[in-house]
Amino acid sequence: MASIFENISEEAFVEGITPQTQASMQWFSTKLQTMASINVNDLFRDEKLKQRSTLLINKSLIGTMHMFQYDPKTKETLPYYDRYPLVIIVGKAKGGFRGVNLHYLPVQLRIRFLDNLYRISTLENNLNSEWDDLNRGRIKKFIKPIIKTYLTPNIKGRIAQVHRSEWDIAAFLPFHKFMKRNEQVVWRDSFKQVYKR
């Protein structure tokens, strides 16, 4: 099976795209939003991703990005939720972990969030940052709509870790699936929370 990540990386290389810059994120967001529908099962099996059967949260996983299928314990009371989260883990939580789900931000805010995040860390190193490091400075205002708690027993099936060099691609692949509301409603709510409107 051809790797989605590898194919897109090759195209970006040919175009002279420098990873983890605002220009690269604009390029990836434009390129990937026009893609045909993605088979999520194929995506999660992509050879460029590190496969896991479970997430045992320890210091080495803080600041790493993962994709998985999720069935929330409290889904009946949630106004909406993402069936296929794309999460950067920021810390432990009882029965699971806390993380920021990039899918909750509309594309332009996602670019701004990642740009600020990349300024905190470098391409060679994972974030390796606890929640307190994210909850300050220019990045703080983006956190409220995207910080979520995930219970590990509610993760269904395959878990895929995204290598840091592939974050720009994963961040803009259109594989989110919001339940109970559509993306316009979710993104409008997130925009209001970021800008307190």
Foldseek 3Di string as FASTA:
>chain_A
DDAPLVVVVVVCVVVVHDPLDLVLLVVLQVVQVPDDDDDVVVNLVGPQWDKDPFDDDDLVQQQWWKWFAFDDPPCVPDLKDWRIFTWHFAAADVQFGKTFTLLLAPSVVSSVLSSVQCVCDPLVDGNSHHPVVQCDDPNNLQRVLGIDTGHGVRTDDMMIIHRSRRVSNVSNNPPIDMPNDDSVVSNVVSVCSSVVD
